[in-house]
Protein backbone atom coordinates (compact mmCIF):
# COMPACT_ATOMS: atom_id res chain seq x y z
CA MET A 1 33.22 -104.55 80.10
CA LYS A 2 31.04 -101.50 80.68
CA LEU A 3 31.45 -97.75 81.32
CA VAL A 4 28.61 -95.82 82.97
CA PHE A 5 28.55 -92.02 83.33
CA ILE A 6 27.26 -90.90 86.73
CA GLY A 7 28.39 -87.36 87.64
CA ALA A 8 29.70 -84.23 85.88
CA ALA A 9 27.65 -85.17 82.81
CA HIS A 10 26.67 -81.82 81.23
CA GLU A 11 27.66 -80.27 84.59
CA VAL A 12 30.96 -78.92 85.94
CA THR A 13 31.10 -80.58 89.37
CA GLY A 14 30.39 -83.96 90.97
CA SER A 15 32.74 -85.98 88.78
CA CYS A 16 32.07 -89.73 88.86
CA HIS A 17 32.34 -92.58 86.33
CA TYR A 18 31.70 -96.30 86.87
CA ILE A 19 33.52 -99.23 85.25
CA ASN A 20 32.45 -102.87 85.41
CA ALA A 21 35.27 -105.10 84.17
CA CYS A 22 37.14 -108.27 85.15
CA GLY A 23 34.49 -108.98 87.76
CA LYS A 24 35.31 -105.71 89.56
CA HIS A 25 33.27 -102.59 90.30
CA ILE A 26 35.36 -99.43 89.89
CA LEU A 27 34.75 -95.69 90.29
CA VAL A 28 36.89 -93.05 88.64
CA ASP A 29 36.47 -90.07 91.01
CA TYR A 30 33.58 -89.61 93.42
CA GLY A 31 33.10 -85.88 93.72
CA MET A 32 30.77 -83.48 95.46
CA GLU A 33 28.36 -81.29 93.51
CA GLN A 34 28.85 -77.54 94.08
CA GLY A 35 26.67 -74.63 93.11
CA VAL A 36 23.42 -75.19 91.22
CA ASN A 37 22.63 -78.80 90.40
CA VAL A 38 21.25 -78.65 86.83
CA PHE A 39 20.47 -82.33 86.16
CA GLU A 40 19.63 -85.30 88.32
CA ASN A 41 22.47 -87.81 88.59
CA ALA A 42 21.86 -91.51 88.12
CA SER A 43 22.46 -93.72 91.15
CA LEU A 44 25.53 -95.92 91.34
CA PRO A 45 24.79 -99.19 89.51
CA VAL A 46 25.79 -101.19 92.61
CA ALA A 47 25.76 -100.63 96.35
CA GLU A 48 28.70 -98.67 97.74
CA SER A 49 29.82 -101.72 99.69
CA MET A 50 30.36 -103.58 96.39
CA ILE A 51 32.81 -101.04 94.94
CA ASP A 52 36.26 -102.66 94.76
CA TYR A 53 38.46 -99.73 93.70
CA VAL A 54 38.43 -95.98 93.19
CA PHE A 55 40.87 -94.34 90.77
CA LEU A 56 41.20 -90.68 91.80
CA THR A 57 42.41 -88.00 89.37
CA HIS A 58 43.06 -85.28 91.96
CA ALA A 59 42.11 -83.92 95.36
CA HIS A 60 39.64 -81.13 94.52
CA VAL A 61 36.39 -81.89 96.31
CA ASP A 62 34.33 -81.92 93.10
CA HIS A 63 36.35 -85.06 92.31
CA SER A 64 37.07 -86.49 95.78
CA GLY A 65 34.56 -84.99 98.20
CA MET A 66 32.11 -87.91 98.40
CA LEU A 67 34.71 -90.54 99.25
CA PRO A 68 33.85 -90.29 102.98
CA LEU A 69 30.20 -91.04 102.11
CA LEU A 70 31.41 -94.06 100.16
CA ALA A 71 33.21 -95.24 103.31
CA ALA A 72 30.17 -94.46 105.46
CA ARG A 73 28.06 -96.73 103.26
CA GLY A 74 30.30 -99.75 103.50
CA PHE A 75 33.10 -99.28 100.98
CA GLN A 76 35.99 -101.60 101.92
CA GLY A 77 38.14 -101.30 98.81
CA ARG A 78 41.24 -99.28 97.92
CA ILE A 79 41.57 -95.75 96.53
CA PHE A 80 44.48 -95.29 94.11
CA ALA A 81 45.89 -91.77 93.67
CA THR A 82 49.23 -90.02 93.25
CA GLU A 83 51.40 -89.43 96.30
CA ALA A 84 50.63 -85.70 96.43
CA THR A 85 46.89 -86.31 95.93
CA THR A 86 46.95 -88.75 98.84
CA ASP A 87 48.66 -86.15 101.03
CA LEU A 88 46.14 -83.46 100.07
CA CYS A 89 43.13 -85.73 100.56
CA SER A 90 44.30 -86.48 104.08
CA ILE A 91 43.43 -82.88 104.96
CA MET A 92 40.74 -82.05 102.41
CA LEU A 93 38.42 -84.97 103.16
CA ARG A 94 38.65 -84.26 106.88
CA ASP A 95 37.86 -80.62 106.12
CA CYS A 96 34.80 -81.75 104.12
CA ALA A 97 33.64 -83.77 107.12
CA HIS A 98 34.20 -80.82 109.44
CA ILE A 99 32.06 -78.58 107.21
CA GLN A 100 29.32 -81.23 106.99
CA MET A 101 29.21 -81.53 110.77
CA GLN A 102 29.27 -77.75 111.31
CA GLU A 103 26.42 -77.19 108.87
CA ALA A 104 24.34 -79.94 110.48
CA GLU A 105 24.91 -78.40 113.92
CA TRP A 106 23.90 -74.94 112.64
CA LYS A 107 20.74 -76.29 110.96
CA ASN A 108 19.79 -78.19 114.10
CA ARG A 109 20.21 -75.08 116.25
CA LYS A 110 17.97 -73.20 113.84
CA ALA A 111 15.44 -76.07 113.76
CA LYS A 112 14.94 -75.89 117.54
CA ARG A 113 12.67 -72.91 116.88
CA SER A 114 10.25 -75.29 115.14
CA SER A 115 9.05 -78.57 116.60
CA THR A 116 8.03 -79.82 113.14
CA VAL A 117 11.54 -79.89 111.67
CA ALA A 118 13.35 -83.25 111.91
CA PRO A 119 16.99 -83.28 113.12
CA HIS A 120 19.51 -82.79 110.32
CA GLU A 121 22.21 -85.42 109.91
CA PRO A 122 25.49 -84.70 108.11
CA LEU A 123 26.22 -86.69 104.96
CA PHE A 124 29.29 -88.10 106.71
CA ASN A 125 31.44 -87.45 109.75
CA MET A 126 35.12 -87.32 110.68
CA GLU A 127 35.33 -91.06 111.25
CA ASP A 128 34.09 -91.65 107.69
CA ALA A 129 36.71 -89.26 106.32
CA ASP A 130 39.43 -91.04 108.32
CA ASN A 131 38.24 -94.39 106.94
CA ALA A 132 38.45 -93.07 103.37
CA VAL A 133 41.96 -91.68 103.93
CA ARG A 134 43.15 -95.01 105.36
CA ARG A 135 42.05 -96.75 102.16
CA MET A 136 44.22 -94.56 99.93
CA VAL A 137 47.17 -96.09 98.07
CA PRO A 138 49.84 -93.52 97.06
CA CYS A 139 51.20 -94.08 93.56
CA PRO A 140 54.09 -92.47 91.62
CA TYR A 141 53.69 -90.74 88.29
CA ASP A 142 54.52 -92.59 85.06
CA GLU A 143 54.61 -96.12 86.52
CA LYS A 144 52.33 -98.92 85.32
CA ILE A 145 50.56 -100.43 88.33
CA GLU A 146 48.96 -103.88 88.46
CA ILE A 147 45.66 -103.50 90.32
CA CYS A 148 44.47 -107.09 89.93
CA GLU A 149 44.31 -109.69 87.20
CA GLY A 150 43.21 -107.91 84.02
CA ILE A 151 43.42 -104.32 85.33
CA GLN A 152 46.41 -101.96 85.14
CA ILE A 153 46.62 -98.18 85.56
CA ARG A 154 49.16 -95.38 85.16
CA PHE A 155 49.08 -91.77 86.42
CA THR A 156 50.39 -88.94 84.19
CA ASP A 157 50.93 -85.35 85.37
CA ILE A 158 48.11 -83.21 83.98
CA GLY A 159 49.25 -79.88 85.49
CA HIS A 160 45.96 -78.80 87.11
CA LEU A 161 46.73 -79.15 90.83
CA LEU A 162 49.54 -80.53 92.92
CA GLY A 163 49.37 -84.29 92.28
CA SER A 164 46.69 -84.05 89.60
CA ALA A 165 46.77 -86.73 86.91
CA SER A 166 45.16 -88.20 83.87
CA ILE A 167 44.69 -91.93 84.38
CA GLU A 168 45.34 -94.63 81.79
CA VAL A 169 43.32 -97.78 82.49
CA TRP A 170 44.01 -101.11 80.74
CA LEU A 171 41.19 -103.66 80.98
CA THR A 172 41.66 -107.27 79.77
CA GLU A 173 38.86 -109.83 79.59
CA GLU A 174 39.05 -113.18 77.74
CA GLY A 175 42.10 -112.11 75.76
CA THR A 176 40.65 -108.74 74.71
CA THR A 177 42.31 -105.55 76.02
CA LYS A 178 40.80 -102.09 75.90
CA LYS A 179 42.50 -98.93 77.08
CA ILE A 180 40.54 -95.97 78.38
CA VAL A 181 42.08 -92.65 79.43
CA PHE A 182 40.40 -90.32 81.92
CA SER A 183 41.76 -86.82 81.53
CA GLY A 184 40.77 -85.50 84.95
CA ASP A 185 40.98 -81.72 84.88
CA ILE A 186 43.49 -80.63 82.24
CA GLY A 187 45.79 -77.87 83.46
CA ASN A 188 46.46 -74.52 81.86
CA LYS A 189 49.94 -74.04 80.41
CA ASP A 190 52.58 -71.65 81.82
CA GLN A 191 51.00 -71.45 85.25
CA PRO A 192 52.98 -70.72 88.43
CA LEU A 193 54.49 -73.60 90.43
CA LEU A 194 53.15 -76.57 88.44
CA ARG A 195 54.40 -78.27 85.29
CA ASP A 196 52.48 -78.13 82.00
CA PRO A 197 50.08 -81.02 81.29
CA ALA A 198 51.73 -84.10 79.76
CA LYS A 199 50.19 -85.93 76.83
CA THR A 200 49.34 -89.61 76.46
CA ALA A 201 50.35 -91.69 73.45
CA LYS A 202 47.49 -94.13 72.87
CA ALA A 203 43.92 -94.90 73.89
CA ASP A 204 40.90 -96.76 72.59
CA TYR A 205 38.52 -94.45 74.45
CA VAL A 206 38.96 -91.09 76.17
CA VAL A 207 36.82 -89.42 78.82
CA MET A 208 37.81 -85.75 78.92
CA GLU A 209 36.73 -82.59 80.67
CA SER A 210 35.40 -79.51 78.86
CA THR A 211 35.14 -76.83 81.56
CA TYR A 212 36.46 -74.09 79.25
CA GLY A 213 35.60 -75.84 76.00
CA ASP A 214 33.81 -72.78 74.63
CA ARG A 215 36.32 -70.04 75.40
CA LEU A 216 39.89 -68.96 74.88
CA HIS A 217 42.34 -67.52 77.37
CA SER A 218 44.14 -64.37 76.27
CA ALA A 219 46.62 -64.92 73.43
CA GLU A 220 49.14 -62.85 75.37
CA LYS A 221 50.59 -64.26 78.55
CA PRO A 222 48.71 -62.51 81.40
CA ASP A 223 50.70 -60.14 83.60
CA TYR A 224 49.46 -61.53 86.92
CA ILE A 225 52.09 -59.64 88.92
CA GLY A 226 51.31 -56.30 87.25
CA GLU A 227 47.53 -56.62 87.56
CA LEU A 228 47.67 -57.77 91.18
CA THR A 229 50.11 -54.96 92.03
CA GLU A 230 47.72 -52.39 90.57
CA ILE A 231 44.76 -53.74 92.56
CA LEU A 232 46.75 -53.84 95.81
CA GLN A 233 48.16 -50.32 95.32
CA GLU A 234 44.78 -48.74 94.52
CA THR A 235 43.05 -50.43 97.46
CA PHE A 236 45.78 -49.68 100.01
CA ASP A 237 45.88 -46.03 98.89
CA ARG A 238 42.14 -45.85 99.67
CA GLY A 239 42.85 -47.32 103.10
CA GLY A 240 41.02 -50.55 102.35
CA ASN A 241 41.62 -54.29 102.54
CA VAL A 242 41.94 -56.70 99.63
CA VAL A 243 39.82 -59.76 100.43
CA ILE A 244 40.61 -62.77 98.24
CA PRO A 245 38.17 -65.70 98.32
CA SER A 246 40.54 -68.49 97.33
CA PHE A 247 40.55 -72.24 97.09
CA ALA A 248 42.68 -73.42 99.98
CA VAL A 249 44.56 -75.90 97.84
CA GLY A 250 46.28 -74.68 94.69
CA ARG A 251 45.03 -71.15 94.15
CA THR A 252 46.10 -69.91 97.60
CA GLN A 253 49.64 -71.12 97.00
CA GLU A 254 49.70 -69.42 93.58
CA MET A 255 48.63 -66.12 95.17
CA LEU A 256 51.42 -66.44 97.74
CA TYR A 257 53.85 -67.05 94.87
CA PHE A 258 52.77 -63.77 93.21
CA ILE A 259 52.78 -61.74 96.42
CA ARG A 260 56.27 -62.99 97.34
CA LYS A 261 57.49 -61.61 93.99
CA ILE A 262 55.65 -58.29 94.52
CA LYS A 263 57.26 -57.87 97.95
CA GLU A 264 60.70 -58.98 96.78
CA ASP A 265 60.69 -56.43 93.94
CA LYS A 266 59.22 -53.68 96.18
CA LEU A 267 56.42 -52.97 93.69
CA ILE A 268 53.97 -51.54 96.26
CA LYS A 269 54.74 -47.92 97.19
CA ARG A 270 54.03 -46.39 100.62
CA HIS A 271 52.69 -49.74 101.92
CA ALA A 272 55.75 -51.97 101.45
CA ASP A 273 55.23 -53.87 104.69
CA PHE A 274 51.56 -54.70 104.11
CA PRO A 275 50.52 -57.84 106.02
CA VAL A 276 49.10 -60.88 104.26
CA TYR A 277 46.78 -63.16 106.23
CA VAL A 278 46.09 -66.71 105.16
CA ASP A 279 42.96 -67.38 107.18
CA SER A 280 42.30 -71.04 106.55
CA PRO A 281 43.69 -73.94 108.57
CA LEU A 282 43.26 -76.10 105.46
CA ALA A 283 45.30 -73.68 103.33
CA VAL A 284 48.05 -73.60 105.96
CA GLU A 285 48.27 -77.40 105.98
CA ALA A 286 48.10 -77.55 102.18
CA THR A 287 51.00 -75.12 101.89
CA GLY A 288 53.10 -77.53 103.95
CA ILE A 289 52.14 -80.36 101.57
CA PHE A 290 53.24 -78.22 98.61
CA HIS A 291 56.67 -77.95 100.27
CA LYS A 292 56.80 -81.71 100.81
CA ASN A 293 56.03 -82.48 97.14
CA GLU A 294 57.94 -79.67 95.44
CA ILE A 295 60.58 -81.95 93.84
CA GLY A 296 58.03 -84.23 92.18
CA CYS A 297 55.50 -81.58 91.10
CA PHE A 298 56.99 -78.07 90.78
CA ASP A 299 57.95 -76.58 87.41
CA GLU A 300 61.49 -75.50 86.54
CA GLU A 301 60.99 -71.84 87.48
CA ALA A 302 59.84 -72.72 90.99
CA MET A 303 62.54 -75.37 91.35
CA GLU A 304 65.20 -72.79 90.47
CA LEU A 305 64.11 -70.81 93.54
CA VAL A 306 64.13 -73.95 95.67
CA ARG A 307 67.69 -74.74 94.56
CA LYS A 308 68.72 -71.24 95.67
CA GLY A 309 67.25 -71.88 99.10
CA ILE A 310 64.24 -69.60 98.50
CA ASN A 311 60.78 -70.70 99.58
CA PRO A 312 58.58 -69.81 96.54
CA ILE A 313 55.45 -69.33 98.65
CA SER A 314 56.66 -67.60 101.81
CA PHE A 315 57.83 -64.06 102.63
CA PRO A 316 58.09 -61.47 105.45
CA GLY A 317 54.68 -60.24 106.57
CA LEU A 318 52.92 -63.56 105.92
CA ARG A 319 50.66 -64.38 108.86
CA LEU A 320 48.94 -67.73 109.21
CA SER A 321 45.62 -67.76 111.05
CA ILE A 322 44.63 -71.07 112.61
CA THR A 323 42.21 -70.52 115.49
CA SER A 324 38.82 -68.83 115.29
CA ASP A 325 40.04 -66.11 117.69
CA GLU A 326 42.94 -65.34 115.33
CA SER A 327 40.48 -65.19 112.45
CA LYS A 328 38.16 -62.78 114.25
CA ALA A 329 41.04 -60.50 115.23
CA ILE A 330 41.95 -59.84 111.58
CA ASN A 331 38.93 -57.59 111.04
CA PHE A 332 39.77 -55.45 114.07
CA GLU A 333 43.26 -54.66 112.73
CA ASN A 334 43.10 -51.32 110.89
CA THR A 335 46.21 -51.60 108.69
CA PRO A 336 45.41 -52.08 104.96
CA LYS A 337 46.03 -55.76 104.29
CA VAL A 338 45.43 -58.79 102.15
CA ILE A 339 43.08 -61.45 103.52
CA ILE A 340 43.17 -64.80 101.70
CA SER A 341 40.45 -67.11 102.94
CA ALA A 342 38.35 -70.08 101.87
CA SER A 343 36.03 -71.12 100.42
CA GLY A 344 36.88 -69.90 96.94
CA MET A 345 33.21 -69.64 95.87
CA CYS A 346 32.13 -67.98 99.17
CA ASP A 347 29.58 -70.67 99.99
CA ALA A 348 31.12 -71.74 103.30
CA GLY A 349 34.04 -71.15 105.62
CA ARG A 350 35.70 -68.10 107.11
CA ILE A 351 35.54 -66.01 103.92
CA ARG A 352 31.89 -65.24 104.65
CA HIS A 353 32.86 -63.48 107.90
CA HIS A 354 35.44 -61.37 106.03
CA LEU A 355 32.86 -60.49 103.39
CA LYS A 356 30.47 -59.39 106.13
CA HIS A 357 33.11 -57.01 107.52
CA ASN A 358 34.39 -55.68 104.17
CA LEU A 359 31.69 -55.82 101.46
CA TRP A 360 29.94 -52.69 102.74
CA ARG A 361 33.19 -50.64 102.76
CA GLN A 362 33.71 -48.78 99.47
CA GLU A 363 37.46 -48.48 100.10
CA CYS A 364 37.88 -52.27 100.05
CA THR A 365 38.26 -54.72 97.17
CA VAL A 366 36.99 -58.28 96.88
CA LEU A 367 39.25 -60.01 94.36
CA PHE A 368 38.09 -63.26 92.76
CA VAL A 369 40.86 -65.52 91.51
CA GLY A 370 39.02 -68.68 90.48
CA TYR A 371 36.00 -70.12 88.70
CA GLN A 372 32.63 -69.35 90.33
CA SER A 373 29.94 -71.99 89.80
CA VAL A 374 26.42 -70.91 88.88
CA GLY A 375 24.33 -70.32 92.00
CA THR A 376 27.21 -69.66 94.40
CA LEU A 377 27.58 -66.41 96.33
CA GLY A 378 30.83 -65.80 94.47
CA ARG A 379 29.08 -66.01 91.07
CA ILE A 380 26.33 -63.66 92.29
CA LEU A 381 28.90 -61.08 93.42
CA VAL A 382 30.88 -61.31 90.18
CA GLU A 383 27.76 -60.92 88.04
CA GLY A 384 26.78 -57.79 89.96
CA VAL A 385 24.38 -57.40 92.87
CA ASP A 386 23.56 -54.50 95.20
CA GLU A 387 22.97 -56.52 98.35
CA VAL A 388 23.60 -59.99 99.73
CA LYS A 389 22.53 -61.75 102.90
CA LEU A 390 25.19 -63.14 105.24
CA PHE A 391 24.35 -64.87 108.51
CA GLY A 392 20.77 -63.67 108.16
CA GLU A 393 21.82 -60.02 107.81
CA PRO A 394 21.52 -57.94 104.61
CA ILE A 395 24.90 -56.50 103.54
CA GLU A 396 25.14 -53.70 100.98
CA VAL A 397 27.79 -54.32 98.31
CA ARG A 398 29.91 -51.16 98.13
CA ALA A 399 33.37 -52.69 97.81
CA SER A 400 35.03 -52.94 94.41
CA ILE A 401 34.46 -56.42 92.93
CA ARG A 402 37.39 -57.47 90.74
CA THR A 403 38.70 -60.61 89.05
CA LEU A 404 42.31 -61.45 88.28
CA SER A 405 42.29 -61.87 84.51
CA GLY A 406 43.48 -65.07 82.92
CA LEU A 407 44.24 -66.94 86.15
CA SER A 408 42.88 -70.41 85.56
CA GLY A 409 43.91 -73.90 86.48
CA HIS A 410 41.91 -75.21 83.50
CA ALA A 411 43.05 -75.41 79.90
CA ASP A 412 41.02 -73.32 77.47
CA LYS A 413 39.45 -74.64 74.27
CA ASN A 414 42.76 -74.63 72.40
CA GLY A 415 44.51 -76.33 75.31
CA LEU A 416 41.87 -79.07 75.43
CA ILE A 417 42.16 -79.62 71.69
CA GLU A 418 45.97 -79.68 71.91
CA TRP A 419 45.78 -82.37 74.59
CA VAL A 420 43.32 -84.64 72.77
CA GLU A 421 45.20 -84.24 69.47
CA GLY A 422 48.36 -85.35 71.28
CA PHE A 423 47.37 -89.01 70.88
CA GLU A 424 49.42 -90.73 68.17
CA GLU A 425 46.23 -92.16 66.68
CA LYS A 426 42.73 -90.80 67.04
CA PRO A 427 40.82 -92.61 69.81
CA ARG A 428 37.78 -94.64 68.72
CA LYS A 429 35.57 -92.30 70.72
CA VAL A 430 35.97 -89.30 73.00
CA PHE A 431 33.38 -88.75 75.73
CA VAL A 432 33.02 -85.09 76.71
CA VAL A 433 32.15 -84.46 80.36
CA HIS A 434 32.74 -81.93 83.17
CA GLY A 435 31.34 -78.87 81.41
CA GLU A 436 28.14 -76.86 81.49
CA ASP A 437 25.35 -78.26 79.33
CA ASN A 438 25.88 -76.14 76.20
CA VAL A 439 29.66 -76.36 76.52
CA CYS A 440 29.65 -80.16 76.50
CA LYS A 441 27.46 -80.12 73.38
CA SER A 442 29.44 -77.47 71.51
CA PHE A 443 32.86 -78.91 72.36
CA ALA A 444 31.84 -82.42 71.29
CA GLU A 445 30.52 -80.95 68.02
CA CYS A 446 33.77 -79.00 67.57
CA LEU A 447 35.86 -82.16 67.95
CA GLN A 448 33.67 -84.02 65.49
CA VAL A 449 33.12 -81.38 62.80
CA GLU A 450 36.37 -79.41 62.90
CA HIS A 451 38.88 -82.09 63.97
CA GLY A 452 37.45 -85.36 62.73
CA ILE A 453 37.38 -86.93 66.19
CA LYS A 454 34.36 -89.07 67.07
CA ALA A 455 32.96 -87.37 70.15
CA TYR A 456 29.85 -87.67 72.27
CA ALA A 457 28.60 -85.81 75.36
CA PRO A 458 26.70 -88.33 77.52
CA TYR A 459 24.05 -87.51 80.10
CA SER A 460 24.09 -89.15 83.51
CA GLY A 461 23.05 -92.79 83.34
CA THR A 462 24.40 -93.43 79.83
CA GLU A 463 25.98 -96.91 79.48
CA PHE A 464 28.70 -97.80 76.97
CA ASN A 465 30.00 -101.28 76.08
CA LEU A 466 33.79 -101.06 75.81
CA ILE A 467 34.05 -104.37 73.91
CA THR A 468 31.50 -103.70 71.17
CA GLY A 469 32.10 -99.95 71.13
CA LYS A 470 28.37 -99.26 71.23
CA LEU A 471 25.96 -97.46 73.53
CA GLU A 472 23.84 -99.90 75.50
CA TYR A 473 21.70 -97.18 77.02
CA GLU A 474 21.51 -93.51 76.05
CA ALA A 475 20.17 -91.52 78.98
CA LEU A 476 18.07 -88.39 78.62
CA PRO A 477 18.56 -85.30 80.81
CA ILE A 478 16.38 -85.03 83.90
CA PRO A 479 16.39 -81.35 84.96
CA VAL A 480 16.42 -80.26 88.58
CA LYS A 481 14.15 -77.35 89.46
CA LYS A 482 16.26 -74.20 89.69
CA LYS A 483 16.01 -71.39 92.20
CA ALA A 484 15.48 -67.89 90.89
CA LYS A 485 18.78 -66.13 90.25
CA VAL A 486 19.51 -62.71 91.72
CA VAL A 487 20.32 -60.26 88.91
CA SER A 488 20.80 -56.52 88.58
CA ASP A 489 18.79 -54.45 86.06
CA VAL A 490 20.64 -51.12 86.23
CA TYR A 491 23.02 -51.57 83.32
CA ASN A 492 20.82 -50.14 80.55
CA ARG A 493 23.74 -49.19 78.35
CA LEU A 494 25.23 -52.66 78.68
CA LEU A 495 21.88 -54.25 77.86
CA ALA A 496 21.60 -52.08 74.75
CA ALA A 497 25.07 -53.21 73.67
CA GLY A 498 24.01 -56.82 74.22
CA GLN A 499 20.95 -56.33 72.02
CA ARG A 500 23.17 -54.87 69.31
CA LEU A 501 25.43 -57.93 69.55
CA LEU A 502 22.41 -60.20 69.12
CA ALA A 503 21.47 -58.24 66.00
CA VAL A 504 24.97 -58.74 64.58
CA ILE A 505 24.76 -62.48 65.35
CA ARG A 506 21.42 -62.79 63.53
CA LYS A 507 22.88 -60.88 60.58
CA ASN A 508 25.59 -63.54 60.25
CA GLU A 509 23.12 -66.43 60.09
CA GLY A 510 24.05 -68.74 57.22
CA GLY A 511 27.74 -67.79 57.33
CA ALA A 512 30.57 -70.30 57.06
CA ASN A 513 30.76 -72.66 60.04
CA LYS A 514 34.43 -71.89 60.58
CA ASP A 515 33.78 -68.13 60.71
CA LEU A 516 30.80 -68.55 63.01
CA ALA A 517 32.84 -70.78 65.34
CA LYS A 518 35.60 -68.15 65.47
CA PHE A 519 33.01 -65.43 66.20
CA ALA A 520 31.55 -67.56 69.02
CA ASP A 521 35.00 -68.10 70.54
CA GLN A 522 35.71 -64.35 70.43
CA ILE A 523 32.42 -63.60 72.21
CA ASN A 524 33.11 -66.25 74.85
CA SER A 525 36.61 -64.86 75.40
CA LEU A 526 35.13 -61.38 75.92
CA CYS A 527 32.59 -62.83 78.35
CA ASP A 528 35.38 -64.67 80.17
CA LYS A 529 37.21 -61.36 80.70
CA TRP A 530 34.17 -59.83 82.44
CA ASP A 531 32.72 -62.99 84.01
């Protein structure tokens, strides 16, 4: 009975864990890496064709995006996920395949200029995505499911995305049963549309995420409506557009929820009828899936609207763009408007065209509403840069670059701790994954030192024996060579303030651990506000 850590080990994306138990080979998630790849991932311990089952926490591509590749390489098993996750994957995995095929076609067109470049093949194609979708088994929340002799699972709402879940896994071999809980991505509390994350009563072992394990969200509930209203009003008064790079599934629907409220309460002056374009076929389809699953997944506030016959994510002036011609036409329409488009980190999709048309216009605003991985165009824009290259053309950054404060689908450090302390008895061991390198280390140390929970942050390739409770192999990190990061050096005053902060930190060396931890959390919260 063995657990092997493959992906999202000291990294935020590419989630994947392997279980060998009861004669079966099992993956928990099989996600795509996004942004900069910091460490090399270990290979799967067995060939893809030998995998019997996949247990999927949710539909985000950093957890599900490599399932078509699994199918392409001979996987014939079943993929267990919640009903809503199955619905979302039916569109998201096909969208992944479409992007893979588009990128391969573009690279091959470019390669024709050089006879020495070999043809580029996509990782997988649409047929592979279809094969993966056909292998999905929709499961309800809160029901124990018999997978095979010796293996049972149960999905619990974790409040991160429509259909997202933590997964309880019971493994029984030769009369010995061990229970392991995979947190998936733990949701932030009091978010629009979705319910708060539910806790789990018992576990021998826990594998939990730590994305925001070093920072705190604002103690006060963020005023999303007020902040978004201010940004829209200022931009429209300048005659500009508000371009929102947004994840097609989850964040787009939240933005529609806010804008519906802004329009209903007539909060925008002089531009009350402003149009809102959702320029993403995937987002349009996902919005329909949100409607389909509203009863099983929406929180009480959203359900109150549904019971009154109000669609929480639709309103007058909402325009859905499907075809490429409809997408192109948006930038030739002069009325100040909101453009919501994918991808949320600006690394692919139609958003790059909208950035090309709006980044150079000082009257416009580019509003980021989600996490930006290191190395992505979105992260580069948020950190501050004077110029970017899009479609081979340099584009000067004159537009206002803003972020919507506090909007996060991930629990912060306190939320993570609240979830893991929700177990009736402390687990034998907590494995900390799905966080940047230093975050995994610091959060595991926090659990151990401050909360008395045995915690460990494994690197990819680490093997753990679930019967003996001991590490069989402790992997070391294998770094991947990084590309140089584009930075700006014009903020002399800010740099001076940073140097002063370092001096204050050094002055506090030797202070009480509790005080130093609080100081670190305050700094990370400040960074989060401006990140």
